């Protein structure tokens, strides 16, 4: 299922969400221009779990941030930015732009560290905004479970556009992460191939659920929803 948009208007312009998307796009365009130097730059700015654990160089900690802005291909960056565009504006609107910056980055860092627990000896670069965006999804399912999401669904040789409550869409999404994560050999420390860091998504999602209450600018527990009362 591919989310296209949500029926959940915001009160403010999502400046930080737009800025993060633009930075990711500019970094990806930069990657495309690197040519033969791309691998060296990825090794420099992405997280390599083994190096993060065993290196004595404190600068390696910066890769926990820089890795969030590098991607492994067009579909990787496009998919991440699409999810961030659909769900990020409402979370920024609810948290406030300043808090949203720290919420986003902290979700990304914790998601990466969580993944490293499952692959501590991995010497392959880990990169992408997925962990941080998963945190945004975790916040969204708590704050706007009844918001309607316009979703593109493949149906044999046809595509259908349907509206789904955010709760069900995001519940299905996180269940898929568990399914793929527990069945994929990519997460094994003995792997020698790259792939999707499914457990970074899982750690990011639940980190977002936990942190959103801390970062809320308005401590009023009332949830802003759009739709009927039934999930």
C-alpha atoms as a PDB file:
ATOM      1  CA  UNK A   1       0.000   0.000   0.000  1.00  0.00           C
ATOM      2  CA  UNK A   2       1.300   3.423  -0.953  1.00  0.00           C
ATOM      3  CA  UNK A   3       0.046   6.459   1.009  1.00  0.00           C
ATOM      4  CA  UNK A   4      -0.756   9.435  -1.220  1.00  0.00           C
ATOM      5  CA  UNK A   5      -2.115  11.988   1.237  1.00  0.00           C
ATOM      6  CA  UNK A   6      -4.093  12.312   4.442  1.00  0.00           C
ATOM      7  CA  UNK A   7      -7.325  14.162   5.088  1.00  0.00           C
ATOM      8  CA  UNK A   8      -5.869  15.882   8.112  1.00  0.00           C
ATOM      9  CA  UNK A   9      -5.355  19.645   7.633  1.00  0.00           C
ATOM     10  CA  UNK A  10      -2.660  21.539   9.506  1.00  0.00           C
ATOM     11  CA  UNK A  11      -2.779  24.974  11.082  1.00  0.00           C
ATOM     12  CA  UNK A  12       0.783  25.900  10.152  1.00  0.00           C
ATOM     13  CA  UNK A  13       3.156  25.552   7.214  1.00  0.00           C
ATOM     14  CA  UNK A  14       5.430  22.533   7.847  1.00  0.00           C
ATOM     15  CA  UNK A  15       8.692  24.408   7.328  1.00  0.00           C
ATOM     16  CA  UNK A  16      10.909  21.778   8.953  1.00  0.00           C
ATOM     17  CA  UNK A  17       9.271  18.852   7.149  1.00  0.00           C
ATOM     18  CA  UNK A  18       9.765  20.616   3.821  1.00  0.00           C
ATOM     19  CA  UNK A  19      13.345  21.524   4.734  1.00  0.00           C
ATOM     20  CA  UNK A  20      14.224  17.941   5.682  1.00  0.00           C
ATOM     21  CA  UNK A  21      12.767  16.696   2.400  1.00  0.00           C
ATOM     22  CA  UNK A  22      14.761  19.278   0.415  1.00  0.00           C
ATOM     23  CA  UNK A  23      17.985  18.405   2.250  1.00  0.00           C
ATOM     24  CA  UNK A  24      17.492  14.697   1.527  1.00  0.00           C
ATOM     25  CA  UNK A  25      16.832  15.409  -2.139  1.00  0.00           C
ATOM     26  CA  UNK A  26      19.892  17.673  -2.418  1.00  0.00           C
ATOM     27  CA  UNK A  27      22.097  15.079  -0.704  1.00  0.00           C
ATOM     28  CA  UNK A  28      20.812  12.395  -3.068  1.00  0.00           C
ATOM     29  CA  UNK A  29      21.570  14.604  -6.081  1.00  0.00           C
ATOM     30  CA  UNK A  30      25.031  15.066  -4.598  1.00  0.00           C
ATOM     31  CA  UNK A  31      25.383  11.285  -4.367  1.00  0.00           C
ATOM     32  CA  UNK A  32      24.518  10.956  -8.053  1.00  0.00           C
ATOM     33  CA  UNK A  33      27.398  13.267  -8.951  1.00  0.00           C
ATOM     34  CA  UNK A  34      29.995  11.395  -6.921  1.00  0.00           C
ATOM     35  CA  UNK A  35      30.581   8.593  -9.409  1.00  0.00           C
ATOM     36  CA  UNK A  36      33.458   6.390  -8.281  1.00  0.00           C
ATOM     37  CA  UNK A  37      33.762   8.360  -5.029  1.00  0.00           C
ATOM     38  CA  UNK A  38      30.263   7.371  -3.863  1.00  0.00           C
ATOM     39  CA  UNK A  39      31.359   4.268  -1.959  1.00  0.00           C
ATOM     40  CA  UNK A  40      33.993   6.209  -0.015  1.00  0.00           C
ATOM     41  CA  UNK A  41      31.475   8.922   0.922  1.00  0.00           C
ATOM     42  CA  UNK A  42      28.912   6.351   2.021  1.00  0.00           C
ATOM     43  CA  UNK A  43      31.506   4.671   4.227  1.00  0.00           C
ATOM     44  CA  UNK A  44      32.346   8.079   5.665  1.00  0.00           C
ATOM     45  CA  UNK A  45      28.832   9.355   6.400  1.00  0.00           C
ATOM     46  CA  UNK A  46      26.762   6.188   6.907  1.00  0.00           C
ATOM     47  CA  UNK A  47      26.691   4.142  10.112  1.00  0.00           C
ATOM     48  CA  UNK A  48      28.790   0.997  10.078  1.00  0.00           C
ATOM     49  CA  UNK A  49      27.690  -0.940  13.182  1.00  0.00           C
ATOM     50  CA  UNK A  50      31.023  -2.654  13.786  1.00  0.00           C
ATOM     51  CA  UNK A  51      32.953   0.624  13.519  1.00  0.00           C
ATOM     52  CA  UNK A  52      30.520   2.468  15.778  1.00  0.00           C
ATOM     53  CA  UNK A  53      31.020  -0.091  18.531  1.00  0.00           C
ATOM     54  CA  UNK A  54      34.756  -0.684  18.206  1.00  0.00           C
ATOM     55  CA  UNK A  55      36.157   2.628  16.987  1.00  0.00           C
ATOM     56  CA  UNK A  56      37.922   4.964  19.434  1.00  0.00           C
ATOM     57  CA  UNK A  57      37.286   7.961  17.184  1.00  0.00           C
ATOM     58  CA  UNK A  58      34.443  10.067  18.670  1.00  0.00           C
ATOM     59  CA  UNK A  59      33.688  11.504  15.209  1.00  0.00           C
ATOM     60  CA  UNK A  60      32.122   8.181  14.261  1.00  0.00           C
ATOM     61  CA  UNK A  61      29.178   9.174  16.472  1.00  0.00           C
ATOM     62  CA  UNK A  62      28.320  11.910  13.973  1.00  0.00           C
ATOM     63  CA  UNK A  63      27.364   9.225  11.482  1.00  0.00           C
ATOM     64  CA  UNK A  64      24.270   8.574  13.601  1.00  0.00           C
ATOM     65  CA  UNK A  65      23.037  11.935  12.254  1.00  0.00           C
ATOM     66  CA  UNK A  66      24.635  12.126   8.811  1.00  0.00           C
ATOM     67  CA  UNK A  67      23.411   8.639   7.875  1.00  0.00           C
ATOM     68  CA  UNK A  68      19.812   9.900   8.133  1.00  0.00           C
ATOM     69  CA  UNK A  69      20.311  12.059   5.029  1.00  0.00           C
ATOM     70  CA  UNK A  70      21.954   9.533   2.684  1.00  0.00           C
ATOM     71  CA  UNK A  71      20.030   6.965   0.654  1.00  0.00           C
ATOM     72  CA  UNK A  72      20.810   3.914  -1.412  1.00  0.00           C
ATOM     73  CA  UNK A  73      18.812   4.706  -4.554  1.00  0.00           C
ATOM     74  CA  UNK A  74      15.940   6.633  -6.094  1.00  0.00           C
ATOM     75  CA  UNK A  75      13.155   4.410  -4.750  1.00  0.00           C
ATOM     76  CA  UNK A  76      14.743   4.500  -1.298  1.00  0.00           C
ATOM     77  CA  UNK A  77      14.747   8.287  -1.079  1.00  0.00           C
ATOM     78  CA  UNK A  78      11.415   8.668  -2.903  1.00  0.00           C
ATOM     79  CA  UNK A  79       9.581   6.244  -0.625  1.00  0.00           C
ATOM     80  CA  UNK A  80      10.997   7.806   2.526  1.00  0.00           C
ATOM     81  CA  UNK A  81      10.207  11.366   1.459  1.00  0.00           C
ATOM     82  CA  UNK A  82       6.684  10.395   0.404  1.00  0.00           C
ATOM     83  CA  UNK A  83       5.961   8.990   3.860  1.00  0.00           C
ATOM     84  CA  UNK A  84       7.526  12.024   5.511  1.00  0.00           C
ATOM     85  CA  UNK A  85       5.418  14.378   3.375  1.00  0.00           C
ATOM     86  CA  UNK A  86       2.171  12.542   4.114  1.00  0.00           C
ATOM     87  CA  UNK A  87       2.648  12.116   7.869  1.00  0.00           C
ATOM     88  CA  UNK A  88       5.326  14.585   8.939  1.00  0.00           C
ATOM     89  CA  UNK A  89       3.404  17.834   8.493  1.00  0.00           C
ATOM     90  CA  UNK A  90       0.791  16.937  11.108  1.00  0.00           C
ATOM     91  CA  UNK A  91       3.374  15.844  13.666  1.00  0.00           C
ATOM     92  CA  UNK A  92       5.345  19.051  13.136  1.00  0.00           C
ATOM     93  CA  UNK A  93       2.097  21.005  13.455  1.00  0.00           C
ATOM     94  CA  UNK A  94       1.312  19.285  16.759  1.00  0.00           C
ATOM     95  CA  UNK A  95       4.805  19.378  18.275  1.00  0.00           C
ATOM     96  CA  UNK A  96       5.919  22.722  16.922  1.00  0.00           C
ATOM     97  CA  UNK A  97       8.756  23.114  14.416  1.00  0.00           C
ATOM     98  CA  UNK A  98      11.559  23.471  16.977  1.00  0.00           C
ATOM     99  CA  UNK A  99      10.549  20.376  18.938  1.00  0.00           C
ATOM    100  CA  UNK A 100       9.942  18.454  15.739  1.00  0.00           C
ATOM    101  CA  UNK A 101      13.593  18.825  14.707  1.00  0.00           C
ATOM    102  CA  UNK A 102      14.822  17.141  17.877  1.00  0.00           C
ATOM    103  CA  UNK A 103      12.023  14.577  17.858  1.00  0.00           C
ATOM    104  CA  UNK A 104      12.867  13.548  14.275  1.00  0.00           C
ATOM    105  CA  UNK A 105      16.622  13.305  14.842  1.00  0.00           C
ATOM    106  CA  UNK A 106      16.285  11.511  18.183  1.00  0.00           C
ATOM    107  CA  UNK A 107      13.923   8.924  16.682  1.00  0.00           C
ATOM    108  CA  UNK A 108      16.439   8.346  13.887  1.00  0.00           C
ATOM    109  CA  UNK A 109      19.388   7.951  16.246  1.00  0.00           C
ATOM    110  CA  UNK A 110      17.563   5.566  18.609  1.00  0.00           C
ATOM    111  CA  UNK A 111      16.225   3.552  15.668  1.00  0.00           C
ATOM    112  CA  UNK A 112      19.764   3.111  14.347  1.00  0.00           C
ATOM    113  CA  UNK A 113      21.121   2.151  17.756  1.00  0.00           C
ATOM    114  CA  UNK A 114      18.292  -0.337  18.129  1.00  0.00           C
ATOM    115  CA  UNK A 115      19.180  -1.875  14.787  1.00  0.00           C
ATOM    116  CA  UNK A 116      22.825  -2.134  15.829  1.00  0.00           C
ATOM    117  CA  UNK A 117      21.747  -4.314  18.760  1.00  0.00           C
ATOM    118  CA  UNK A 118      20.524  -6.849  16.190  1.00  0.00           C
ATOM    119  CA  UNK A 119      23.582  -6.547  13.930  1.00  0.00           C
ATOM    120  CA  UNK A 120      26.522  -5.438  16.080  1.00  0.00           C
ATOM    121  CA  UNK A 121      29.181  -7.083  13.912  1.00  0.00           C
ATOM    122  CA  UNK A 122      27.799  -5.830  10.605  1.00  0.00           C
ATOM    123  CA  UNK A 123      30.437  -4.030   8.525  1.00  0.00           C
ATOM    124  CA  UNK A 124      27.999  -2.818   5.863  1.00  0.00           C
ATOM    125  CA  UNK A 125      26.897   0.845   5.865  1.00  0.00           C
ATOM    126  CA  UNK A 126      23.457   1.592   7.304  1.00  0.00           C
ATOM    127  CA  UNK A 127      21.853   4.693   5.842  1.00  0.00           C
ATOM    128  CA  UNK A 128      18.515   6.345   5.174  1.00  0.00           C
ATOM    129  CA  UNK A 129      15.812   8.351   6.912  1.00  0.00           C
ATOM    130  CA  UNK A 130      13.576   5.322   7.535  1.00  0.00           C
ATOM    131  CA  UNK A 131      14.194   5.093  11.274  1.00  0.00           C
ATOM    132  CA  UNK A 132      13.409   8.757  11.870  1.00  0.00           C
ATOM    133  CA  UNK A 133      10.314   8.623   9.664  1.00  0.00           C
ATOM    134  CA  UNK A 134       9.164   5.481  11.465  1.00  0.00           C
ATOM    135  CA  UNK A 135       9.199   7.584  14.626  1.00  0.00           C
ATOM    136  CA  UNK A 136       6.894  10.054  12.894  1.00  0.00           C
ATOM    137  CA  UNK A 137       4.540   7.176  12.041  1.00  0.00           C
ATOM    138  CA  UNK A 138       4.565   6.020  15.651  1.00  0.00           C
ATOM    139  CA  UNK A 139       3.558   9.503  16.774  1.00  0.00           C
ATOM    140  CA  UNK A 140       0.858   9.703  14.104  1.00  0.00           C
ATOM    141  CA  UNK A 141      -0.891   6.487  15.111  1.00  0.00           C
ATOM    142  CA  UNK A 142      -1.284   7.867  18.638  1.00  0.00           C
ATOM    143  CA  UNK A 143      -2.269  11.437  17.790  1.00  0.00           C
ATOM    144  CA  UNK A 144      -4.418  10.872  14.693  1.00  0.00           C
ATOM    145  CA  UNK A 145      -5.628   7.254  14.633  1.00  0.00           C
ATOM    146  CA  UNK A 146      -8.927   8.163  12.965  1.00  0.00           C
ATOM    147  CA  UNK A 147      -7.504  10.431  10.258  1.00  0.00           C
ATOM    148  CA  UNK A 148      -8.248   9.090   6.783  1.00  0.00           C
ATOM    149  CA  UNK A 149      -5.328   8.181   4.530  1.00  0.00           C
ATOM    150  CA  UNK A 150      -5.694   8.079   0.757  1.00  0.00           C
ATOM    151  CA  UNK A 151      -3.888   4.883  -0.240  1.00  0.00           C
ATOM    152  CA  UNK A 152      -2.904   3.389  -3.583  1.00  0.00           C
ATOM    153  CA  UNK A 153      -3.368  -0.395  -3.525  1.00  0.00           C
ATOM    154  CA  UNK A 154      -2.218  -2.813  -6.263  1.00  0.00           C
ATOM    155  CA  UNK A 155      -4.981  -5.215  -7.232  1.00  0.00           C
ATOM    156  CA  UNK A 156      -3.713  -7.782  -9.750  1.00  0.00           C
ATOM    157  CA  UNK A 157      -3.064  -5.696 -12.879  1.00  0.00           C
ATOM    158  CA  UNK A 158      -5.044  -2.710 -11.647  1.00  0.00           C
ATOM    159  CA  UNK A 159      -4.494  -0.067  -9.012  1.00  0.00           C
ATOM    160  CA  UNK A 160      -7.195   1.142  -6.658  1.00  0.00           C
ATOM    161  CA  UNK A 161      -7.282   4.266  -4.517  1.00  0.00           C
ATOM    162  CA  UNK A 162      -9.076   3.811  -1.206  1.00  0.00           C
ATOM    163  CA  UNK A 163      -9.412   5.660   2.086  1.00  0.00           C
ATOM    164  CA  UNK A 164      -8.182   3.892   5.206  1.00  0.00           C
ATOM    165  CA  UNK A 165      -8.103   5.041   8.817  1.00  0.00           C
ATOM    166  CA  UNK A 166      -4.544   5.851   9.876  1.00  0.00           C
ATOM    167  CA  UNK A 167      -4.763   3.348  12.741  1.00  0.00           C
ATOM    168  CA  UNK A 168      -5.332   0.404  10.399  1.00  0.00           C
ATOM    169  CA  UNK A 169      -2.859   1.567   7.773  1.00  0.00           C
ATOM    170  CA  UNK A 170      -0.061   2.064  10.292  1.00  0.00           C
ATOM    171  CA  UNK A 171      -0.921  -1.112  12.200  1.00  0.00           C
ATOM    172  CA  UNK A 172      -0.603  -3.058   8.942  1.00  0.00           C
ATOM    173  CA  UNK A 173       2.663  -1.251   8.212  1.00  0.00           C
ATOM    174  CA  UNK A 174       4.306  -2.097  11.544  1.00  0.00           C
ATOM    175  CA  UNK A 175       3.118  -5.719  11.347  1.00  0.00           C
ATOM    176  CA  UNK A 176       4.848  -5.973   7.966  1.00  0.00           C
ATOM    177  CA  UNK A 177       8.070  -4.677   9.515  1.00  0.00           C
ATOM    178  CA  UNK A 178       7.907  -7.430  12.129  1.00  0.00           C
ATOM    179  CA  UNK A 179       7.136 -10.024   9.469  1.00  0.00           C
ATOM    180  CA  UNK A 180       9.970  -8.999   7.170  1.00  0.00           C
ATOM    181  CA  UNK A 181      12.356  -8.366  10.047  1.00  0.00           C
ATOM    182  CA  UNK A 182      11.960 -11.761  11.651  1.00  0.00           C
ATOM    183  CA  UNK A 183      12.175 -13.669   8.366  1.00  0.00           C
ATOM    184  CA  UNK A 184      14.951 -11.726   6.650  1.00  0.00           C
ATOM    185  CA  UNK A 185      18.534 -12.944   6.816  1.00  0.00           C
ATOM    186  CA  UNK A 186      19.639  -9.354   6.298  1.00  0.00           C
ATOM    187  CA  UNK A 187      19.478  -8.768  10.045  1.00  0.00           C
ATOM    188  CA  UNK A 188      21.756 -11.651  10.945  1.00  0.00           C
ATOM    189  CA  UNK A 189      25.201 -10.552  12.051  1.00  0.00           C
ATOM    190  CA  UNK A 190      26.731 -13.121   9.723  1.00  0.00           C
ATOM    191  CA  UNK A 191      25.225 -11.562   6.611  1.00  0.00           C
ATOM    192  CA  UNK A 192      27.504 -10.264   3.906  1.00  0.00           C
ATOM    193  CA  UNK A 193      24.831  -8.543   1.869  1.00  0.00           C
ATOM    194  CA  UNK A 194      23.040  -5.256   2.307  1.00  0.00           C
ATOM    195  CA  UNK A 195      19.301  -4.845   2.560  1.00  0.00           C
ATOM    196  CA  UNK A 196      16.511  -3.186   4.475  1.00  0.00           C
ATOM    197  CA  UNK A 197      17.097  -2.580   8.183  1.00  0.00           C
ATOM    198  CA  UNK A 198      13.629  -3.676   9.229  1.00  0.00           C
ATOM    199  CA  UNK A 199      14.381  -3.515  12.933  1.00  0.00           C
ATOM    200  CA  UNK A 200      15.415   0.128  12.594  1.00  0.00           C
ATOM    201  CA  UNK A 201      11.838   0.759  11.446  1.00  0.00           C
ATOM    202  CA  UNK A 202      10.461  -1.126  14.434  1.00  0.00           C
ATOM    203  CA  UNK A 203      12.656   0.638  16.973  1.00  0.00           C
ATOM    204  CA  UNK A 204      11.896   3.989  15.345  1.00  0.00           C
ATOM    205  CA  UNK A 205       8.136   3.404  15.385  1.00  0.00           C
ATOM    206  CA  UNK A 206       7.946   2.580  19.082  1.00  0.00           C
ATOM    207  CA  UNK A 207      10.441   5.309  19.941  1.00  0.00           C
ATOM    208  CA  UNK A 208       8.096   7.796  18.285  1.00  0.00           C
ATOM    209  CA  UNK A 209       5.155   6.452  20.279  1.00  0.00           C
ATOM    210  CA  UNK A 210       7.092   6.904  23.507  1.00  0.00           C
ATOM    211  CA  UNK A 211       8.681  10.283  22.796  1.00  0.00           C
ATOM    212  CA  UNK A 212       5.705  12.096  21.295  1.00  0.00           C
ATOM    213  CA  UNK A 213       4.119  12.622  24.702  1.00  0.00           C
ATOM    214  CA  UNK A 214       7.349  14.192  25.963  1.00  0.00           C
ATOM    215  CA  UNK A 215       7.695  16.521  22.989  1.00  0.00           C
ATOM    216  CA  UNK A 216       4.078  17.702  22.773  1.00  0.00           C
ATOM    217  CA  UNK A 217       4.002  21.504  23.006  1.00  0.00           C
ATOM    218  CA  UNK A 218       0.475  21.315  24.370  1.00  0.00           C
ATOM    219  CA  UNK A 219       0.104  18.851  27.228  1.00  0.00           C
ATOM    220  CA  UNK A 220      -3.675  18.734  26.748  1.00  0.00           C
ATOM    221  CA  UNK A 221      -4.269  14.980  26.238  1.00  0.00           C
ATOM    222  CA  UNK A 222      -7.097  15.631  23.796  1.00  0.00           C
ATOM    223  CA  UNK A 223      -6.420  13.913  20.493  1.00  0.00           C
ATOM    224  CA  UNK A 224      -7.189  15.805  17.319  1.00  0.00           C
ATOM    225  CA  UNK A 225      -8.934  13.388  14.973  1.00  0.00           C
ATOM    226  CA  UNK A 226     -10.888  13.606  11.769  1.00  0.00           C
ATOM    227  CA  UNK A 227     -13.610  11.045  11.147  1.00  0.00           C
ATOM    228  CA  UNK A 228     -16.164   9.151  13.144  1.00  0.00           C
ATOM    229  CA  UNK A 229     -15.529   7.743  16.596  1.00  0.00           C
ATOM    230  CA  UNK A 230     -15.182   4.147  15.451  1.00  0.00           C
ATOM    231  CA  UNK A 231     -11.895   2.736  14.251  1.00  0.00           C
END
